[in-house]
N, C-alpha and C. Protein backbone atom coordinates (compact mmCIF):
# COMPACT_ATOMS: atom_id res chain seq x y z
N MET A 1 101.67 79.58 73.70
CA MET A 1 102.13 80.71 74.50
C MET A 1 101.20 81.91 74.36
N ILE A 2 100.70 82.12 73.14
CA ILE A 2 99.78 83.23 72.91
C ILE A 2 98.49 83.01 73.69
N SER A 3 98.01 81.76 73.68
CA SER A 3 96.80 81.43 74.41
C SER A 3 96.97 81.69 75.90
N GLU A 4 98.11 81.30 76.47
CA GLU A 4 98.38 81.52 77.89
C GLU A 4 98.47 83.01 78.20
N ALA A 5 99.10 83.76 77.30
CA ALA A 5 99.22 85.21 77.51
C ALA A 5 97.84 85.86 77.49
N GLU A 6 96.96 85.39 76.62
CA GLU A 6 95.62 85.95 76.53
C GLU A 6 94.83 85.70 77.82
N LYS A 7 95.08 84.55 78.46
CA LYS A 7 94.40 84.24 79.72
C LYS A 7 94.79 85.23 80.81
N ARG A 8 96.04 85.69 80.74
CA ARG A 8 96.54 86.61 81.76
C ARG A 8 96.38 88.08 81.36
N ASP A 9 95.79 88.35 80.21
CA ASP A 9 95.63 89.71 79.71
C ASP A 9 94.75 90.50 80.67
N LEU A 10 95.28 91.64 81.12
CA LEU A 10 94.58 92.49 82.08
C LEU A 10 93.25 92.97 81.54
N ALA A 11 93.16 93.22 80.24
CA ALA A 11 91.90 93.69 79.64
C ALA A 11 90.79 92.67 79.84
N ASN A 12 91.14 91.38 79.74
CA ASN A 12 90.15 90.33 79.97
C ASN A 12 89.69 90.31 81.43
N TRP A 13 90.64 90.45 82.35
CA TRP A 13 90.31 90.48 83.77
C TRP A 13 89.40 91.66 84.07
N GLU A 14 89.73 92.78 83.47
CA GLU A 14 88.95 94.00 83.69
C GLU A 14 87.48 93.76 83.35
N LYS A 15 87.23 93.12 82.21
CA LYS A 15 85.86 92.88 81.77
C LYS A 15 85.19 91.77 82.58
N GLU A 16 85.89 90.65 82.77
CA GLU A 16 85.30 89.48 83.44
C GLU A 16 85.06 89.70 84.93
N MET A 17 86.02 90.30 85.62
CA MET A 17 85.92 90.42 87.07
C MET A 17 85.26 91.73 87.51
N GLY A 18 85.29 92.74 86.67
CA GLY A 18 84.65 94.01 87.02
C GLY A 18 85.25 94.68 88.24
N LEU A 19 86.59 94.64 88.37
CA LEU A 19 87.25 95.23 89.54
C LEU A 19 87.57 96.71 89.35
N PHE A 20 87.80 97.11 88.10
CA PHE A 20 88.15 98.50 87.84
C PHE A 20 87.78 98.83 86.40
N VAL A 21 87.73 100.14 86.14
CA VAL A 21 87.45 100.62 84.79
C VAL A 21 88.37 101.80 84.50
N PHE A 22 88.55 102.05 83.22
CA PHE A 22 89.22 103.27 82.77
C PHE A 22 88.19 104.08 82.00
N SER A 23 88.28 105.39 82.10
CA SER A 23 87.34 106.27 81.42
C SER A 23 88.10 107.36 80.69
N ASP A 24 87.74 107.60 79.43
CA ASP A 24 88.35 108.68 78.67
C ASP A 24 88.07 110.03 79.32
N LEU A 25 86.93 110.15 80.01
CA LEU A 25 86.58 111.41 80.67
C LEU A 25 87.45 111.65 81.91
N VAL A 26 87.89 110.59 82.55
CA VAL A 26 88.77 110.71 83.72
C VAL A 26 90.21 110.90 83.26
N GLY A 27 90.63 110.11 82.30
CA GLY A 27 91.97 110.26 81.74
C GLY A 27 92.74 108.96 81.74
N PRO A 28 93.71 108.83 80.83
CA PRO A 28 94.51 107.61 80.74
C PRO A 28 95.41 107.43 81.97
N GLY A 29 95.55 106.16 82.37
CA GLY A 29 96.42 105.85 83.50
C GLY A 29 95.82 106.18 84.85
N LEU A 30 94.49 106.43 84.87
CA LEU A 30 93.80 106.79 86.11
C LEU A 30 92.67 105.80 86.36
N PRO A 31 92.96 104.67 87.00
CA PRO A 31 91.95 103.63 87.20
C PRO A 31 90.87 104.05 88.20
N ILE A 32 89.67 103.58 87.94
CA ILE A 32 88.54 103.78 88.85
C ILE A 32 88.15 102.40 89.36
N TYR A 33 88.22 102.18 90.68
CA TYR A 33 87.92 100.88 91.25
C TYR A 33 86.43 100.78 91.56
N THR A 34 85.83 99.70 91.10
CA THR A 34 84.42 99.43 91.38
C THR A 34 84.28 98.98 92.83
N GLU A 35 83.05 98.70 93.24
CA GLU A 35 82.82 98.22 94.60
C GLU A 35 83.64 96.96 94.88
N LYS A 36 83.62 96.02 93.91
CA LYS A 36 84.40 94.77 94.09
C LYS A 36 85.89 95.08 94.11
N GLY A 37 86.33 95.94 93.22
CA GLY A 37 87.75 96.29 93.16
C GLY A 37 88.22 96.99 94.42
N ALA A 38 87.38 97.88 94.94
CA ALA A 38 87.72 98.59 96.17
C ALA A 38 87.82 97.63 97.35
N ALA A 39 86.96 96.59 97.36
CA ALA A 39 87.00 95.59 98.44
C ALA A 39 88.30 94.78 98.37
N VAL A 40 88.69 94.37 97.15
CA VAL A 40 89.94 93.63 96.99
C VAL A 40 91.12 94.51 97.40
N ARG A 41 91.10 95.75 96.94
CA ARG A 41 92.18 96.70 97.26
C ARG A 41 92.30 96.89 98.77
N ARG A 42 91.16 97.03 99.46
CA ARG A 42 91.16 97.22 100.91
C ARG A 42 91.74 96.00 101.61
N GLU A 43 91.40 94.79 101.15
CA GLU A 43 91.94 93.57 101.77
C GLU A 43 93.46 93.48 101.59
N ILE A 44 93.94 93.87 100.42
CA ILE A 44 95.40 93.87 100.18
C ILE A 44 96.08 94.85 101.13
N ILE A 45 95.50 96.04 101.26
CA ILE A 45 96.07 97.05 102.17
C ILE A 45 96.02 96.55 103.62
N ASN A 46 94.89 95.95 104.02
CA ASN A 46 94.77 95.43 105.39
C ASN A 46 95.83 94.37 105.67
N TYR A 47 96.05 93.49 104.69
CA TYR A 47 97.05 92.43 104.88
C TYR A 47 98.45 93.02 104.99
N SER A 48 98.77 93.98 104.13
CA SER A 48 100.09 94.64 104.20
C SER A 48 100.26 95.35 105.54
N ASN A 49 99.20 96.01 105.98
CA ASN A 49 99.25 96.71 107.25
C ASN A 49 99.49 95.74 108.41
N GLU A 50 98.82 94.59 108.35
CA GLU A 50 98.99 93.55 109.37
C GLU A 50 100.44 93.06 109.41
N LEU A 51 101.01 92.81 108.23
CA LEU A 51 102.41 92.37 108.16
C LEU A 51 103.34 93.44 108.72
N GLN A 52 103.11 94.68 108.34
CA GLN A 52 103.98 95.77 108.80
C GLN A 52 103.87 95.99 110.30
N LYS A 53 102.65 95.92 110.81
CA LYS A 53 102.47 96.10 112.26
C LYS A 53 103.20 95.01 113.03
N SER A 54 103.30 93.82 112.44
CA SER A 54 103.98 92.71 113.12
C SER A 54 105.46 92.98 113.34
N ILE A 55 106.03 93.92 112.58
CA ILE A 55 107.45 94.28 112.78
C ILE A 55 107.61 95.73 113.25
N GLY A 56 106.53 96.31 113.76
CA GLY A 56 106.64 97.60 114.42
C GLY A 56 106.34 98.84 113.59
N TYR A 57 105.84 98.67 112.36
CA TYR A 57 105.50 99.84 111.54
C TYR A 57 104.11 100.35 111.93
N ARG A 58 103.94 101.67 111.87
CA ARG A 58 102.66 102.30 112.15
C ARG A 58 102.23 103.11 110.95
N GLU A 59 100.94 103.02 110.62
CA GLU A 59 100.44 103.70 109.43
C GLU A 59 100.29 105.20 109.66
N VAL A 60 100.69 105.98 108.65
CA VAL A 60 100.51 107.42 108.65
C VAL A 60 99.74 107.80 107.38
N HIS A 61 99.34 109.05 107.30
CA HIS A 61 98.64 109.53 106.11
C HIS A 61 99.18 110.91 105.78
N THR A 62 99.58 111.12 104.52
CA THR A 62 100.17 112.39 104.11
C THR A 62 99.37 112.97 102.94
N PRO A 63 99.43 114.30 102.75
CA PRO A 63 98.58 114.94 101.74
C PRO A 63 98.98 114.60 100.30
N ASN A 64 98.00 114.72 99.41
CA ASN A 64 98.23 114.40 98.00
C ASN A 64 98.93 115.53 97.25
N ILE A 65 98.85 116.76 97.75
CA ILE A 65 99.58 117.85 97.10
C ILE A 65 100.59 118.44 98.07
N THR A 66 101.67 118.97 97.53
CA THR A 66 102.76 119.47 98.35
C THR A 66 103.48 120.61 97.66
N LYS A 67 103.94 121.55 98.45
CA LYS A 67 104.73 122.65 97.90
C LYS A 67 106.00 122.10 97.25
N ALA A 68 106.41 122.75 96.19
CA ALA A 68 107.63 122.35 95.49
C ALA A 68 108.85 122.43 96.41
N GLU A 69 108.80 123.31 97.39
CA GLU A 69 109.94 123.52 98.28
C GLU A 69 110.40 122.23 98.95
N LEU A 70 109.45 121.38 99.36
CA LEU A 70 109.82 120.12 99.99
C LEU A 70 110.64 119.26 99.03
N PHE A 71 110.22 119.21 97.77
CA PHE A 71 110.93 118.40 96.78
C PHE A 71 112.28 119.03 96.39
N LYS A 72 112.39 120.34 96.53
CA LYS A 72 113.68 121.00 96.30
C LYS A 72 114.66 120.62 97.40
N VAL A 73 114.18 120.63 98.63
CA VAL A 73 115.03 120.26 99.77
C VAL A 73 115.47 118.79 99.67
N SER A 74 114.54 117.92 99.27
CA SER A 74 114.84 116.48 99.21
C SER A 74 115.69 116.10 97.99
N GLY A 75 115.73 116.98 96.97
CA GLY A 75 116.48 116.68 95.76
C GLY A 75 115.64 116.07 94.65
N HIS A 76 114.38 115.75 94.95
CA HIS A 76 113.51 115.15 93.94
C HIS A 76 113.13 116.14 92.84
N TYR A 77 113.01 117.41 93.20
CA TYR A 77 112.61 118.43 92.23
C TYR A 77 113.60 118.49 91.06
N GLU A 78 114.86 118.55 91.40
CA GLU A 78 115.90 118.64 90.36
C GLU A 78 115.94 117.40 89.48
N LYS A 79 115.76 116.23 90.08
CA LYS A 79 115.88 114.97 89.32
C LYS A 79 114.60 114.54 88.62
N TYR A 80 113.43 114.84 89.22
CA TYR A 80 112.20 114.25 88.71
C TYR A 80 111.11 115.25 88.32
N GLN A 81 111.42 116.54 88.29
CA GLN A 81 110.40 117.55 88.04
C GLN A 81 109.61 117.27 86.76
N GLU A 82 110.26 116.80 85.72
CA GLU A 82 109.58 116.55 84.45
C GLU A 82 108.57 115.41 84.55
N ASP A 83 108.70 114.56 85.56
CA ASP A 83 107.79 113.44 85.74
C ASP A 83 106.73 113.71 86.80
N MET A 84 106.69 114.94 87.30
CA MET A 84 105.74 115.30 88.36
C MET A 84 104.61 116.14 87.78
N LEU A 85 103.41 115.94 88.32
CA LEU A 85 102.22 116.68 87.87
C LEU A 85 102.05 117.95 88.70
N ARG A 86 102.11 119.09 88.04
CA ARG A 86 102.00 120.38 88.70
C ARG A 86 100.53 120.68 89.05
N VAL A 87 100.32 121.29 90.22
CA VAL A 87 98.99 121.71 90.66
C VAL A 87 98.97 123.23 90.68
N VAL A 88 97.93 123.82 90.11
CA VAL A 88 97.81 125.27 90.08
C VAL A 88 96.72 125.72 91.05
N SER A 89 97.06 126.67 91.91
CA SER A 89 96.10 127.23 92.86
C SER A 89 95.59 128.57 92.32
N HIS A 90 94.32 128.83 92.56
CA HIS A 90 93.75 130.12 92.17
C HIS A 90 94.10 131.21 93.18
N TYR A 91 94.62 130.80 94.35
CA TYR A 91 94.80 131.76 95.43
C TYR A 91 96.25 131.87 95.93
N SER A 92 97.15 131.14 95.32
CA SER A 92 98.54 131.16 95.78
C SER A 92 99.48 131.13 94.59
N ASP A 93 100.58 131.84 94.72
CA ASP A 93 101.61 131.80 93.68
C ASP A 93 102.62 130.69 93.94
N GLU A 94 102.47 130.02 95.08
CA GLU A 94 103.37 128.91 95.41
C GLU A 94 103.26 127.83 94.35
N GLU A 95 104.38 127.16 94.08
CA GLU A 95 104.38 126.03 93.15
C GLU A 95 104.05 124.76 93.93
N TYR A 96 103.05 124.01 93.47
CA TYR A 96 102.64 122.77 94.11
C TYR A 96 102.70 121.62 93.11
N PHE A 97 102.84 120.41 93.65
CA PHE A 97 102.81 119.21 92.81
C PHE A 97 101.96 118.14 93.49
N LEU A 98 101.33 117.28 92.67
CA LEU A 98 100.76 116.07 93.21
C LEU A 98 101.91 115.20 93.68
N LYS A 99 101.72 114.52 94.76
CA LYS A 99 102.80 113.77 95.40
C LYS A 99 103.21 112.55 94.56
N PRO A 100 104.49 112.49 94.09
CA PRO A 100 104.95 111.33 93.33
C PRO A 100 105.58 110.24 94.20
N MET A 101 105.93 110.57 95.44
CA MET A 101 106.53 109.60 96.35
C MET A 101 106.31 110.08 97.79
N ASN A 102 106.45 109.16 98.75
CA ASN A 102 106.19 109.47 100.16
C ASN A 102 107.42 109.88 100.96
N CYS A 103 108.60 109.56 100.46
CA CYS A 103 109.83 109.73 101.24
C CYS A 103 109.97 111.12 101.88
N PRO A 104 109.85 112.21 101.10
CA PRO A 104 110.05 113.53 101.71
C PRO A 104 109.04 113.83 102.81
N HIS A 105 107.81 113.35 102.65
CA HIS A 105 106.78 113.59 103.66
C HIS A 105 107.10 112.85 104.96
N HIS A 106 107.60 111.65 104.82
CA HIS A 106 107.94 110.86 106.00
C HIS A 106 109.11 111.50 106.76
N THR A 107 110.03 112.12 106.04
CA THR A 107 111.12 112.81 106.74
C THR A 107 110.57 113.97 107.56
N GLN A 108 109.48 114.57 107.10
CA GLN A 108 108.89 115.69 107.84
C GLN A 108 108.20 115.21 109.11
N ILE A 109 107.66 114.01 109.09
CA ILE A 109 107.11 113.44 110.32
C ILE A 109 108.25 113.22 111.32
N TYR A 110 109.34 112.66 110.83
CA TYR A 110 110.49 112.43 111.70
C TYR A 110 111.03 113.74 112.25
N ALA A 111 111.13 114.76 111.38
CA ALA A 111 111.74 116.04 111.77
C ALA A 111 110.80 116.93 112.58
N SER A 112 109.57 116.49 112.82
CA SER A 112 108.58 117.34 113.48
C SER A 112 108.84 117.55 114.97
N GLN A 113 109.76 116.77 115.54
CA GLN A 113 110.10 116.94 116.96
C GLN A 113 111.51 116.46 117.21
N MET A 114 112.04 116.84 118.36
CA MET A 114 113.38 116.39 118.74
C MET A 114 113.35 114.88 118.96
N ARG A 115 114.40 114.22 118.51
CA ARG A 115 114.49 112.76 118.67
C ARG A 115 115.78 112.41 119.39
N SER A 116 115.72 111.35 120.15
CA SER A 116 116.91 110.81 120.80
C SER A 116 117.26 109.49 120.11
N TYR A 117 118.52 109.12 120.17
CA TYR A 117 118.91 107.82 119.62
C TYR A 117 118.14 106.69 120.31
N LYS A 118 117.67 106.97 121.52
CA LYS A 118 116.90 105.96 122.27
C LYS A 118 115.51 105.74 121.65
N ASP A 119 115.04 106.74 120.87
CA ASP A 119 113.73 106.62 120.23
C ASP A 119 113.76 105.70 119.01
N LEU A 120 114.94 105.41 118.53
CA LEU A 120 115.08 104.67 117.28
C LEU A 120 115.05 103.16 117.52
N PRO A 121 114.52 102.39 116.59
CA PRO A 121 114.03 102.79 115.28
C PRO A 121 112.62 103.36 115.32
N ILE A 122 112.34 104.27 114.40
CA ILE A 122 110.99 104.79 114.17
C ILE A 122 110.57 104.29 112.80
N ARG A 123 109.47 103.56 112.77
CA ARG A 123 109.02 102.90 111.53
C ARG A 123 107.63 103.42 111.15
N ILE A 124 107.52 103.95 109.93
CA ILE A 124 106.23 104.45 109.46
C ILE A 124 105.92 103.92 108.07
N ALA A 125 104.63 103.74 107.81
CA ALA A 125 104.19 103.22 106.52
C ALA A 125 103.01 104.04 106.03
N ASP A 126 102.87 104.13 104.71
CA ASP A 126 101.86 104.97 104.08
C ASP A 126 101.25 104.20 102.91
N PHE A 127 99.94 104.25 102.78
CA PHE A 127 99.25 103.62 101.64
C PHE A 127 98.63 104.72 100.78
N ALA A 128 99.41 105.73 100.49
CA ALA A 128 98.91 106.91 99.79
C ALA A 128 98.81 106.69 98.29
N ASN A 129 97.90 107.46 97.68
CA ASN A 129 97.90 107.54 96.23
C ASN A 129 99.08 108.41 95.80
N LEU A 130 99.78 107.96 94.79
CA LEU A 130 100.91 108.72 94.23
C LEU A 130 100.60 109.03 92.78
N TYR A 131 101.21 110.10 92.27
CA TYR A 131 100.90 110.58 90.93
C TYR A 131 102.18 110.87 90.17
N ARG A 132 102.26 110.36 88.95
CA ARG A 132 103.42 110.61 88.10
C ARG A 132 102.96 110.90 86.68
N ASP A 133 103.62 111.82 86.03
CA ASP A 133 103.25 112.24 84.68
C ASP A 133 103.88 111.31 83.65
N GLU A 134 103.35 110.09 83.59
CA GLU A 134 103.87 109.10 82.65
C GLU A 134 103.50 109.48 81.22
N LYS A 135 104.40 109.20 80.29
CA LYS A 135 104.11 109.45 78.88
C LYS A 135 103.02 108.49 78.41
N PRO A 136 102.12 108.95 77.51
CA PRO A 136 101.00 108.10 77.07
C PRO A 136 101.44 106.73 76.57
N GLY A 137 102.52 106.64 75.82
CA GLY A 137 102.99 105.36 75.29
C GLY A 137 103.54 104.42 76.35
N GLU A 138 103.81 104.94 77.54
CA GLU A 138 104.37 104.11 78.62
C GLU A 138 103.31 103.57 79.55
N LEU A 139 102.08 104.06 79.44
CA LEU A 139 101.00 103.59 80.30
C LEU A 139 100.64 102.16 79.93
N SER A 140 100.42 101.32 80.97
CA SER A 140 100.14 99.91 80.71
C SER A 140 99.29 99.31 81.82
N GLY A 141 97.99 99.08 81.53
CA GLY A 141 97.12 98.41 82.49
C GLY A 141 97.24 98.99 83.88
N LEU A 142 97.43 98.11 84.87
CA LEU A 142 97.63 98.55 86.25
C LEU A 142 99.10 98.55 86.64
N THR A 143 100.00 98.28 85.69
CA THR A 143 101.42 98.21 86.03
C THR A 143 102.16 99.53 85.82
N ARG A 144 101.65 100.39 84.96
CA ARG A 144 102.27 101.70 84.72
C ARG A 144 101.14 102.72 84.62
N LEU A 145 100.96 103.53 85.65
CA LEU A 145 99.81 104.41 85.79
C LEU A 145 100.24 105.84 86.10
N ARG A 146 99.29 106.74 86.01
CA ARG A 146 99.52 108.12 86.46
C ARG A 146 99.08 108.28 87.91
N CYS A 147 98.20 107.41 88.38
CA CYS A 147 97.78 107.40 89.78
C CYS A 147 97.80 105.97 90.28
N PHE A 148 98.51 105.71 91.37
CA PHE A 148 98.59 104.37 91.92
C PHE A 148 98.79 104.46 93.42
N CYS A 149 98.44 103.39 94.10
CA CYS A 149 98.65 103.31 95.54
C CYS A 149 99.90 102.49 95.79
N GLN A 150 100.78 103.03 96.61
CA GLN A 150 102.03 102.33 96.90
C GLN A 150 102.12 102.03 98.39
N ASP A 151 102.38 100.80 98.70
CA ASP A 151 102.64 100.38 100.07
C ASP A 151 104.08 100.78 100.36
N ASP A 152 104.26 101.85 101.11
CA ASP A 152 105.57 102.48 101.20
C ASP A 152 105.93 102.75 102.66
N GLY A 153 107.02 102.19 103.11
CA GLY A 153 107.46 102.38 104.48
C GLY A 153 108.86 102.93 104.58
N HIS A 154 109.12 103.63 105.68
CA HIS A 154 110.46 104.15 105.94
C HIS A 154 110.81 103.91 107.40
N CYS A 155 112.06 103.56 107.60
CA CYS A 155 112.55 103.29 108.95
C CYS A 155 113.71 104.23 109.25
N PHE A 156 113.60 104.95 110.34
CA PHE A 156 114.68 105.82 110.80
C PHE A 156 115.36 105.09 111.95
N CYS A 157 116.62 104.71 111.75
CA CYS A 157 117.28 103.86 112.73
C CYS A 157 118.77 104.19 112.84
N ARG A 158 119.39 103.63 113.87
CA ARG A 158 120.83 103.77 114.03
C ARG A 158 121.54 102.79 113.10
N GLU A 159 122.78 103.07 112.80
CA GLU A 159 123.53 102.23 111.86
C GLU A 159 123.57 100.77 112.30
N GLU A 160 123.74 100.54 113.59
CA GLU A 160 123.83 99.15 114.06
C GLU A 160 122.48 98.43 114.02
N GLN A 161 121.40 99.16 113.75
CA GLN A 161 120.07 98.54 113.66
C GLN A 161 119.68 98.19 112.22
N ILE A 162 120.46 98.64 111.25
CA ILE A 162 120.09 98.48 109.85
C ILE A 162 119.89 97.02 109.46
N LYS A 163 120.84 96.15 109.83
CA LYS A 163 120.75 94.75 109.42
C LYS A 163 119.47 94.10 109.93
N GLU A 164 119.18 94.29 111.20
CA GLU A 164 117.99 93.68 111.80
C GLU A 164 116.71 94.21 111.14
N GLU A 165 116.68 95.51 110.88
CA GLU A 165 115.51 96.12 110.24
C GLU A 165 115.34 95.59 108.82
N PHE A 166 116.44 95.50 108.10
CA PHE A 166 116.42 95.03 106.71
C PHE A 166 115.90 93.59 106.65
N VAL A 167 116.40 92.74 107.53
CA VAL A 167 115.97 91.34 107.56
C VAL A 167 114.49 91.23 107.89
N ALA A 168 114.01 92.04 108.82
CA ALA A 168 112.59 92.00 109.20
C ALA A 168 111.71 92.38 108.01
N VAL A 169 112.09 93.42 107.28
CA VAL A 169 111.31 93.85 106.12
C VAL A 169 111.34 92.77 105.04
N LEU A 170 112.52 92.20 104.77
CA LEU A 170 112.61 91.14 103.77
C LEU A 170 111.74 89.95 104.13
N ASN A 171 111.67 89.63 105.41
CA ASN A 171 110.85 88.49 105.84
C ASN A 171 109.36 88.71 105.58
N ILE A 172 108.86 89.93 105.81
CA ILE A 172 107.43 90.14 105.54
C ILE A 172 107.17 90.24 104.04
N ILE A 173 108.15 90.72 103.28
CA ILE A 173 108.01 90.73 101.82
C ILE A 173 107.92 89.29 101.32
N LYS A 174 108.80 88.42 101.83
CA LYS A 174 108.76 87.01 101.44
C LYS A 174 107.42 86.38 101.78
N LYS A 175 106.89 86.72 102.96
CA LYS A 175 105.61 86.17 103.38
C LYS A 175 104.48 86.64 102.45
N ALA A 176 104.49 87.93 102.11
CA ALA A 176 103.45 88.46 101.22
C ALA A 176 103.54 87.82 99.84
N LEU A 177 104.74 87.70 99.30
CA LEU A 177 104.90 87.11 97.97
C LEU A 177 104.50 85.64 97.97
N ALA A 178 104.77 84.94 99.06
CA ALA A 178 104.35 83.54 99.16
C ALA A 178 102.81 83.46 99.23
N THR A 179 102.20 84.36 99.97
CA THR A 179 100.74 84.39 100.06
C THR A 179 100.11 84.58 98.69
N TYR A 180 100.69 85.48 97.90
CA TYR A 180 100.15 85.75 96.57
C TYR A 180 100.72 84.82 95.49
N GLU A 181 101.53 83.86 95.92
CA GLU A 181 102.16 82.89 95.01
C GLU A 181 102.90 83.58 93.86
N MET A 182 103.68 84.58 94.22
CA MET A 182 104.45 85.34 93.23
C MET A 182 105.91 84.92 93.30
N LYS A 183 106.48 84.59 92.16
CA LYS A 183 107.90 84.25 92.09
C LYS A 183 108.69 85.54 91.97
N TYR A 184 109.90 85.55 92.51
CA TYR A 184 110.70 86.78 92.49
C TYR A 184 112.18 86.45 92.55
N ASN A 185 112.98 87.46 92.24
CA ASN A 185 114.41 87.40 92.52
C ASN A 185 114.83 88.76 93.04
N VAL A 186 115.95 88.82 93.70
CA VAL A 186 116.41 90.05 94.34
C VAL A 186 117.72 90.49 93.71
N ARG A 187 117.79 91.78 93.39
CA ARG A 187 119.03 92.37 92.89
C ARG A 187 119.35 93.55 93.80
N LEU A 188 120.51 93.53 94.41
CA LEU A 188 120.89 94.56 95.37
C LEU A 188 121.95 95.47 94.75
N SER A 189 121.70 96.77 94.77
CA SER A 189 122.67 97.75 94.31
C SER A 189 123.20 98.51 95.51
N LEU A 190 124.49 98.68 95.56
CA LEU A 190 125.11 99.39 96.68
C LEU A 190 125.69 100.71 96.20
N TRP A 191 125.59 101.72 97.04
CA TRP A 191 126.12 103.04 96.75
C TRP A 191 127.65 102.98 96.76
N ASP A 192 128.27 103.61 95.79
CA ASP A 192 129.73 103.63 95.69
C ASP A 192 130.24 105.02 95.97
N GLU A 193 130.98 105.19 97.06
CA GLU A 193 131.52 106.47 97.48
C GLU A 193 132.34 107.12 96.36
N ASN A 194 132.98 106.30 95.51
CA ASN A 194 133.84 106.84 94.47
C ASN A 194 133.11 107.16 93.17
N LYS A 195 131.82 106.86 93.09
CA LYS A 195 131.07 107.10 91.86
C LYS A 195 129.82 107.93 92.12
N LYS A 196 129.96 108.98 92.91
CA LYS A 196 128.81 109.80 93.26
C LYS A 196 128.15 110.44 92.04
N LYS A 197 128.93 110.79 91.03
CA LYS A 197 128.39 111.45 89.86
C LYS A 197 127.51 110.53 89.02
N ASN A 198 127.67 109.24 89.19
CA ASN A 198 126.89 108.27 88.41
C ASN A 198 125.56 107.93 89.06
N ILE A 199 125.31 108.47 90.22
CA ILE A 199 124.09 108.12 90.96
C ILE A 199 122.97 109.05 90.56
């Protein structure tokens, strides 16, 4: 078992394949992708984009830094502020953070104009770099980082469209996991109207 684990050790892959490096000068949890690594990363993103386009998602791009106000409105500030990396401006007193998630930004795309129920569903996807202030002891290879790219999509739809949208997304996830020969299981958590305080 130890021998098999060593074969899958990310540190070995890092050295043998030369896809990415870590540098003490750049900082822990901040991978630097080499030319080969960037090519692999681009192919993964292209494949995800192809799958998403097949079910109507369109790629967007959102900024890496954002005013704290957006996260206050979304509720992320109150819940996750300690895990967010603050950005300091020399020219503004506004509080800014490196973006830890795409959700609030995608709501701003949706809210940027009047929408009709006839416009729905609206499906958007983002391959943005995200940043989280992970504790040093929690950083682990490419699985727990301070900077990572997340294939992240959001669908704005009517209630009667939820099932169809959910099934479509699950189908492309299944296809991607089969392509990468990854085994998985699904655990679904449902919101409980009577237990709001536990959420």
